[in-house]
Amino acid sequence: MALRREQEHAVRQYEAWTRMREKALRNNGGKMPDGYVEPPRDPPLPSAPIDDADILDLSLELNAASIDDVPGDMDETGLERVPMADPGLDVRGTLSFQ
């Protein structure tokens, strides 16, 4: 859905740019200023139609996945063991040099 919104936004931006360019040309007698080199601007690609079969395939794959399929390392109490990223960083040492 986000891709469709981004595509629609790109189309609106391009159309707004085209209208502004046409107005600028009318205001300048139908020509660009001397020495102006216009960069090439291609219109955005049209939105691809959404295929319901693709969505159905994805939802079937997501439904088939289960949390039980993910291997985990459990301790003797049944809690998952999580490795510590930086052991010791959470402990503040009080070193004093005299």
Protein backbone atom coordinates (compact mmCIF):
# COMPACT_ATOMS: atom_id res chain seq x y z
CA MET A 1 0.00 0.00 0.00
CA ALA A 2 2.87 2.36 0.78
CA LEU A 3 4.29 1.85 -2.69
CA ARG A 4 0.99 2.86 -4.25
CA ARG A 5 0.90 6.06 -2.16
CA GLU A 6 4.49 6.85 -3.13
CA GLN A 7 3.64 6.26 -6.79
CA GLU A 8 0.58 8.51 -6.57
CA HIS A 9 2.68 11.18 -4.85
CA ALA A 10 5.32 10.96 -7.60
CA VAL A 11 2.62 11.37 -10.26
CA ARG A 12 1.15 14.42 -8.47
CA GLN A 13 4.61 15.98 -8.12
CA TYR A 14 5.38 15.42 -11.80
CA GLU A 15 2.04 16.88 -12.89
CA ALA A 16 2.57 19.93 -10.65
CA TRP A 17 6.05 20.40 -12.14
CA THR A 18 4.63 20.13 -15.67
CA ARG A 19 1.97 22.78 -14.94
CA MET A 20 4.58 25.11 -13.41
CA ARG A 21 6.89 24.63 -16.40
CA GLU A 22 4.08 25.40 -18.87
CA LYS A 23 3.13 28.54 -16.94
CA ALA A 24 6.77 29.68 -16.87
CA LEU A 25 7.01 29.18 -20.63
CA ARG A 26 3.83 31.24 -21.20
CA ASN A 27 5.16 33.98 -18.95
CA ASN A 28 8.42 34.06 -20.93
CA GLY A 29 6.91 34.22 -24.40
CA GLY A 30 6.95 30.47 -25.03
CA LYS A 31 10.70 29.93 -24.76
CA MET A 32 13.23 29.14 -22.11
CA PRO A 33 15.76 31.78 -21.06
CA ASP A 34 18.94 31.98 -23.13
CA GLY A 35 21.57 29.52 -21.91
CA TYR A 36 19.11 27.42 -19.94
CA VAL A 37 19.64 23.69 -20.38
CA GLU A 38 16.70 21.70 -19.14
CA PRO A 39 17.56 18.41 -17.44
CA PRO A 40 15.66 15.42 -18.80
CA ARG A 41 12.70 14.45 -16.67
CA ASP A 42 10.81 11.27 -17.41
CA PRO A 43 7.28 10.89 -16.11
CA PRO A 44 6.91 8.40 -13.26
CA LEU A 45 6.04 4.86 -14.21
CA PRO A 46 2.38 3.92 -13.95
CA SER A 47 1.28 1.88 -10.97
CA ALA A 48 1.42 -1.85 -11.43
CA PRO A 49 -1.92 -3.52 -10.89
CA ILE A 50 -2.15 -5.53 -7.71
CA ASP A 51 -2.51 -9.22 -8.38
CA ASP A 52 -4.86 -10.89 -5.91
CA ALA A 53 -3.11 -14.22 -6.45
CA ASP A 54 0.16 -12.73 -5.16
CA ILE A 55 -1.56 -11.45 -2.04
CA LEU A 56 -3.23 -14.82 -1.48
CA ASP A 57 0.11 -16.63 -1.88
CA LEU A 58 1.75 -14.32 0.63
CA SER A 59 -1.03 -14.71 3.16
CA LEU A 60 -0.84 -18.50 2.83
CA GLU A 61 2.90 -18.38 3.43
CA LEU A 62 2.46 -16.17 6.48
CA ASN A 63 -0.23 -18.44 7.88
CA ALA A 64 1.99 -21.49 7.37
CA ALA A 65 4.80 -19.92 9.39
CA SER A 66 4.64 -20.58 13.08
CA ILE A 67 6.61 -19.47 16.09
CA ASP A 68 7.24 -23.16 16.76
CA ASP A 69 9.20 -23.30 13.49
CA VAL A 70 11.82 -20.94 14.91
CA PRO A 71 14.47 -22.78 16.91
CA GLY A 72 15.24 -21.30 20.29
CA ASP A 73 17.67 -21.97 23.09
CA MET A 74 15.81 -22.58 26.33
CA ASP A 75 17.24 -22.85 29.80
CA GLU A 76 16.10 -25.44 32.35
CA THR A 77 13.15 -23.27 33.46
CA GLY A 78 11.80 -22.97 29.93
CA LEU A 79 12.83 -19.35 29.44
CA GLU A 80 14.62 -18.39 26.27
CA ARG A 81 18.30 -17.66 26.62
CA VAL A 82 19.22 -14.34 25.09
CA PRO A 83 22.90 -13.61 24.50
CA MET A 84 24.22 -10.43 26.03
CA ALA A 85 25.51 -7.97 23.48
CA ASP A 86 28.07 -6.23 25.69
CA PRO A 87 28.35 -7.87 29.08
CA GLY A 88 29.55 -5.51 31.74
CA LEU A 89 28.43 -2.27 30.12
CA ASP A 90 25.41 -2.10 32.37
CA VAL A 91 27.58 -2.20 35.51
CA ARG A 92 29.12 1.01 36.77
CA GLY A 93 32.44 0.50 38.39
CA THR A 94 33.62 2.79 41.10
CA LEU A 95 37.33 2.82 40.61
CA SER A 96 39.26 5.28 42.66
CA PHE A 97 42.87 6.05 42.14
CA GLN A 98 44.71 7.42 45.11
